[in-house]
């Protein structure tokens, strides 16, 4: 007898991989793709905090590349980047004083 939970898990992985290939996503697909809850996604769209399209006035569509860019906004610098920036500014200030 086959283990259906394993088959279901494999099918879910395949569906997720196919989802990353689509250029235009539906509301449900974006919720699955981003891991955001549908209620939070509704809130984001009602406040126009996430890019979306409404071609027929009702159903929402999303451009996957725009969603990727939206997810990657507000990048947090690493400690190394902060230290490097601080040392560069300190070096420039020393050069200006001389």
N, C-alpha and C. Protein backbone atom coordinates (compact mmCIF):
# COMPACT_ATOMS: atom_id res chain seq x y z
N UNK A 1 0.85 -1.18 0.00
CA UNK A 1 0.00 0.00 0.00
C UNK A 1 0.89 1.25 0.00
N UNK A 2 0.52 2.24 -0.80
CA UNK A 2 1.31 3.46 -0.91
C UNK A 2 1.02 4.42 0.23
N UNK A 3 2.02 5.18 0.58
CA UNK A 3 1.87 6.20 1.61
C UNK A 3 1.34 7.47 0.95
N UNK A 4 0.05 7.75 1.12
CA UNK A 4 -0.58 8.88 0.45
C UNK A 4 -0.11 10.22 0.99
N UNK A 5 0.32 10.28 2.23
CA UNK A 5 0.82 11.54 2.77
C UNK A 5 2.11 11.95 2.06
N UNK A 6 2.95 10.98 1.72
CA UNK A 6 4.18 11.27 0.98
C UNK A 6 3.85 11.73 -0.43
N UNK A 7 2.90 11.10 -1.06
CA UNK A 7 2.48 11.49 -2.40
C UNK A 7 1.90 12.90 -2.37
N UNK A 8 1.08 13.19 -1.37
CA UNK A 8 0.50 14.53 -1.24
C UNK A 8 1.59 15.58 -1.02
N UNK A 9 2.60 15.24 -0.22
CA UNK A 9 3.70 16.18 0.02
C UNK A 9 4.48 16.43 -1.25
N UNK A 10 4.74 15.39 -2.01
CA UNK A 10 5.48 15.54 -3.27
C UNK A 10 4.66 16.35 -4.27
N UNK A 11 3.37 16.12 -4.33
CA UNK A 11 2.50 16.87 -5.22
C UNK A 11 2.47 18.35 -4.84
N UNK A 12 2.44 18.63 -3.56
CA UNK A 12 2.46 20.02 -3.08
C UNK A 12 3.76 20.71 -3.48
N UNK A 13 4.90 20.00 -3.36
CA UNK A 13 6.18 20.57 -3.76
C UNK A 13 6.20 20.88 -5.25
N UNK A 14 5.65 19.99 -6.06
CA UNK A 14 5.59 20.21 -7.50
C UNK A 14 4.71 21.42 -7.82
N UNK A 15 3.57 21.51 -7.15
CA UNK A 15 2.68 22.66 -7.36
C UNK A 15 3.37 23.96 -6.98
N UNK A 16 4.11 23.95 -5.88
CA UNK A 16 4.83 25.15 -5.44
C UNK A 16 5.90 25.55 -6.46
N UNK A 17 6.59 24.57 -7.03
CA UNK A 17 7.60 24.86 -8.05
C UNK A 17 6.96 25.44 -9.30
N UNK A 18 5.82 24.90 -9.70
CA UNK A 18 5.12 25.44 -10.87
C UNK A 18 4.64 26.86 -10.62
N UNK A 19 4.24 27.13 -9.40
CA UNK A 19 3.75 28.45 -9.03
C UNK A 19 4.83 29.52 -9.23
N UNK A 20 6.07 29.16 -8.97
CA UNK A 20 7.16 30.14 -9.11
C UNK A 20 7.47 30.45 -10.57
N UNK A 21 6.90 29.71 -11.50
CA UNK A 21 7.14 29.93 -12.93
C UNK A 21 6.07 30.81 -13.57
N UNK A 22 4.95 31.00 -12.91
CA UNK A 22 3.87 31.80 -13.48
C UNK A 22 4.17 33.30 -13.34
N UNK A 23 3.99 34.08 -14.40
CA UNK A 23 4.24 35.53 -14.29
C UNK A 23 3.11 36.29 -13.59
N UNK A 24 1.88 35.79 -13.69
CA UNK A 24 0.73 36.45 -13.08
C UNK A 24 0.09 35.48 -12.10
N UNK A 25 -0.16 35.97 -10.88
CA UNK A 25 -0.69 35.12 -9.82
C UNK A 25 -2.06 35.62 -9.36
N UNK A 26 -2.89 34.70 -8.94
CA UNK A 26 -4.18 35.06 -8.36
C UNK A 26 -3.99 35.37 -6.88
N UNK A 27 -5.06 35.81 -6.25
CA UNK A 27 -5.01 36.15 -4.82
C UNK A 27 -4.57 34.95 -4.00
N UNK A 28 -5.22 33.80 -4.23
CA UNK A 28 -4.89 32.59 -3.46
C UNK A 28 -3.45 32.15 -3.71
N UNK A 29 -2.99 32.28 -4.96
CA UNK A 29 -1.63 31.89 -5.28
C UNK A 29 -0.61 32.79 -4.58
N UNK A 30 -0.91 34.09 -4.49
CA UNK A 30 0.00 35.01 -3.80
C UNK A 30 0.05 34.70 -2.32
N UNK A 31 -1.09 34.37 -1.74
CA UNK A 31 -1.11 34.00 -0.32
C UNK A 31 -0.23 32.77 -0.10
N UNK A 32 -0.34 31.79 -0.97
CA UNK A 32 0.48 30.59 -0.85
C UNK A 32 1.95 30.89 -1.14
N UNK A 33 2.20 31.68 -2.17
CA UNK A 33 3.57 32.01 -2.60
C UNK A 33 4.34 32.78 -1.53
N UNK A 34 3.67 33.74 -0.89
CA UNK A 34 4.34 34.58 0.09
C UNK A 34 4.26 34.03 1.51
N UNK A 35 3.30 33.16 1.76
CA UNK A 35 3.10 32.65 3.11
C UNK A 35 2.29 33.60 3.97
N UNK A 36 1.74 34.66 3.35
CA UNK A 36 0.90 35.60 4.10
C UNK A 36 -0.51 35.04 4.24
N UNK A 37 -1.16 35.36 5.33
CA UNK A 37 -2.54 34.91 5.49
C UNK A 37 -3.43 35.71 4.53
N UNK A 38 -4.55 35.12 4.15
CA UNK A 38 -5.46 35.80 3.22
C UNK A 38 -6.02 37.08 3.85
N UNK A 39 -6.29 37.06 5.15
CA UNK A 39 -6.84 38.26 5.79
C UNK A 39 -5.81 39.39 5.77
N UNK A 40 -4.54 39.07 5.99
CA UNK A 40 -3.51 40.10 5.96
C UNK A 40 -3.31 40.60 4.53
N UNK A 41 -3.39 39.70 3.57
CA UNK A 41 -3.26 40.09 2.17
C UNK A 41 -4.42 41.00 1.75
N UNK A 42 -5.63 40.72 2.23
CA UNK A 42 -6.78 41.61 1.99
C UNK A 42 -6.50 43.00 2.56
N UNK A 43 -5.94 43.03 3.76
CA UNK A 43 -5.63 44.31 4.39
C UNK A 43 -4.60 45.08 3.56
N UNK A 44 -3.57 44.40 3.09
CA UNK A 44 -2.54 45.05 2.28
C UNK A 44 -3.11 45.61 0.98
N UNK A 45 -4.00 44.87 0.34
CA UNK A 45 -4.58 45.35 -0.91
C UNK A 45 -5.56 46.50 -0.66
N UNK A 46 -6.31 46.44 0.41
CA UNK A 46 -7.27 47.52 0.68
C UNK A 46 -6.57 48.83 1.02
N UNK A 47 -5.35 48.74 1.59
CA UNK A 47 -4.57 49.94 1.91
C UNK A 47 -3.61 50.31 0.78
N UNK A 48 -3.65 49.55 -0.33
CA UNK A 48 -2.75 49.76 -1.46
C UNK A 48 -1.28 49.70 -1.03
N UNK A 49 -0.97 48.80 -0.11
CA UNK A 49 0.39 48.62 0.37
C UNK A 49 1.16 47.56 -0.41
N UNK A 50 0.49 46.88 -1.32
CA UNK A 50 1.12 45.84 -2.13
C UNK A 50 0.65 46.06 -3.57
N UNK A 51 1.56 45.89 -4.56
CA UNK A 51 1.14 46.12 -5.94
C UNK A 51 0.21 45.01 -6.44
N UNK A 52 -0.90 45.41 -7.06
CA UNK A 52 -1.85 44.45 -7.61
C UNK A 52 -2.61 45.06 -8.76
N UNK A 53 -3.32 44.23 -9.50
CA UNK A 53 -4.11 44.65 -10.65
C UNK A 53 -5.53 44.15 -10.48
N UNK A 54 -6.48 44.94 -10.98
CA UNK A 54 -7.89 44.58 -10.91
C UNK A 54 -8.51 44.89 -12.27
N UNK A 55 -8.24 44.04 -13.28
CA UNK A 55 -8.67 44.36 -14.65
C UNK A 55 -10.18 44.41 -14.86
N UNK A 56 -10.93 43.60 -14.16
CA UNK A 56 -12.38 43.57 -14.34
C UNK A 56 -13.13 44.18 -13.16
N UNK A 57 -12.41 44.80 -12.26
CA UNK A 57 -13.04 45.46 -11.13
C UNK A 57 -13.29 44.58 -9.93
N UNK A 58 -13.12 43.28 -10.04
CA UNK A 58 -13.38 42.41 -8.90
C UNK A 58 -12.17 41.56 -8.53
N UNK A 59 -11.82 40.62 -9.39
CA UNK A 59 -10.74 39.69 -9.06
C UNK A 59 -9.38 40.39 -9.11
N UNK A 60 -8.53 40.04 -8.14
CA UNK A 60 -7.21 40.65 -8.03
C UNK A 60 -6.16 39.74 -8.67
N UNK A 61 -5.21 40.38 -9.33
CA UNK A 61 -4.08 39.67 -9.92
C UNK A 61 -2.79 40.37 -9.51
N UNK A 62 -1.72 39.61 -9.47
CA UNK A 62 -0.44 40.13 -9.01
C UNK A 62 0.65 39.71 -9.99
N UNK A 63 1.59 40.62 -10.25
CA UNK A 63 2.75 40.31 -11.06
C UNK A 63 3.79 39.70 -10.12
N UNK A 64 4.22 38.49 -10.44
CA UNK A 64 5.14 37.77 -9.55
C UNK A 64 6.44 38.54 -9.32
N UNK A 65 6.98 39.18 -10.37
CA UNK A 65 8.22 39.94 -10.20
C UNK A 65 8.00 41.14 -9.28
N UNK A 66 6.85 41.78 -9.37
CA UNK A 66 6.55 42.90 -8.47
C UNK A 66 6.39 42.42 -7.03
N UNK A 67 5.81 41.25 -6.86
CA UNK A 67 5.67 40.68 -5.51
C UNK A 67 7.04 40.34 -4.95
N UNK A 68 7.92 39.77 -5.79
CA UNK A 68 9.29 39.47 -5.34
C UNK A 68 9.99 40.75 -4.91
N UNK A 69 9.87 41.82 -5.71
CA UNK A 69 10.50 43.10 -5.36
C UNK A 69 9.90 43.66 -4.08
N UNK A 70 8.59 43.54 -3.92
CA UNK A 70 7.91 44.03 -2.72
C UNK A 70 8.40 43.27 -1.48
N UNK A 71 8.58 41.96 -1.63
CA UNK A 71 9.06 41.15 -0.51
C UNK A 71 10.49 41.50 -0.12
N UNK A 72 11.27 41.98 -1.09
CA UNK A 72 12.68 42.25 -0.83
C UNK A 72 12.96 43.72 -0.52
N UNK A 73 11.95 44.51 -0.27
CA UNK A 73 12.17 45.91 0.08
C UNK A 73 12.62 46.02 1.54
N UNK A 74 13.15 47.15 1.90
CA UNK A 74 13.60 47.41 3.27
C UNK A 74 14.62 46.40 3.76
N UNK A 75 15.62 46.18 2.94
CA UNK A 75 16.68 45.24 3.31
C UNK A 75 17.41 45.74 4.55
N UNK A 76 17.71 44.83 5.44
CA UNK A 76 18.45 45.14 6.65
C UNK A 76 19.93 44.84 6.39
N UNK A 77 20.79 45.82 6.68
CA UNK A 77 22.22 45.63 6.47
C UNK A 77 22.79 44.64 7.48
N UNK A 78 23.81 43.92 7.03
CA UNK A 78 24.50 43.01 7.93
C UNK A 78 25.44 43.82 8.83
N UNK A 79 25.88 43.23 9.91
CA UNK A 79 26.83 43.91 10.80
C UNK A 79 28.11 44.25 10.05
N UNK A 80 28.55 43.37 9.16
CA UNK A 80 29.75 43.64 8.37
C UNK A 80 29.57 44.89 7.51
N UNK A 81 28.41 45.01 6.85
CA UNK A 81 28.14 46.18 6.01
C UNK A 81 28.10 47.46 6.83
N UNK A 82 27.52 47.40 8.02
CA UNK A 82 27.46 48.57 8.89
C UNK A 82 28.86 48.97 9.33
N UNK A 83 29.67 47.99 9.73
CA UNK A 83 31.06 48.28 10.14
C UNK A 83 31.86 48.86 8.98
N UNK A 84 31.69 48.31 7.80
CA UNK A 84 32.40 48.80 6.63
C UNK A 84 32.00 50.24 6.31
N UNK A 85 30.73 50.52 6.38
CA UNK A 85 30.23 51.88 6.12
C UNK A 85 30.77 52.86 7.16
N UNK A 86 30.79 52.46 8.42
CA UNK A 86 31.29 53.32 9.49
C UNK A 86 32.78 53.60 9.31
N UNK A 87 33.55 52.57 8.97
CA UNK A 87 34.99 52.78 8.79
C UNK A 87 35.27 53.65 7.56
N UNK A 88 34.46 53.50 6.51
CA UNK A 88 34.62 54.34 5.32
C UNK A 88 34.33 55.80 5.65
N UNK A 89 33.27 56.06 6.40
CA UNK A 89 32.93 57.43 6.79
C UNK A 89 34.02 58.02 7.69
N UNK A 90 34.54 57.22 8.60
CA UNK A 90 35.61 57.70 9.49
C UNK A 90 36.86 58.04 8.70
N UNK A 91 37.19 57.22 7.73
CA UNK A 91 38.36 57.47 6.89
C UNK A 91 38.18 58.74 6.07
N UNK A 92 36.99 58.95 5.53
CA UNK A 92 36.71 60.15 4.74
C UNK A 92 36.77 61.40 5.60
N UNK A 93 36.30 61.32 6.83
CA UNK A 93 36.34 62.48 7.73
C UNK A 93 37.78 62.83 8.08
N UNK A 94 38.62 61.83 8.29
CA UNK A 94 40.02 62.08 8.57
C UNK A 94 40.71 62.75 7.39
N UNK A 95 40.36 62.31 6.18
CA UNK A 95 40.94 62.87 4.98
C UNK A 95 40.53 64.34 4.79
N UNK A 96 39.29 64.67 5.13
CA UNK A 96 38.82 66.06 5.01
C UNK A 96 39.53 66.97 5.99
N UNK A 97 39.87 66.48 7.17
CA UNK A 97 40.53 67.30 8.19
C UNK A 97 41.98 67.62 7.80
N UNK A 98 42.57 66.73 7.05
CA UNK A 98 43.99 66.92 6.67
C UNK A 98 44.10 67.89 5.58
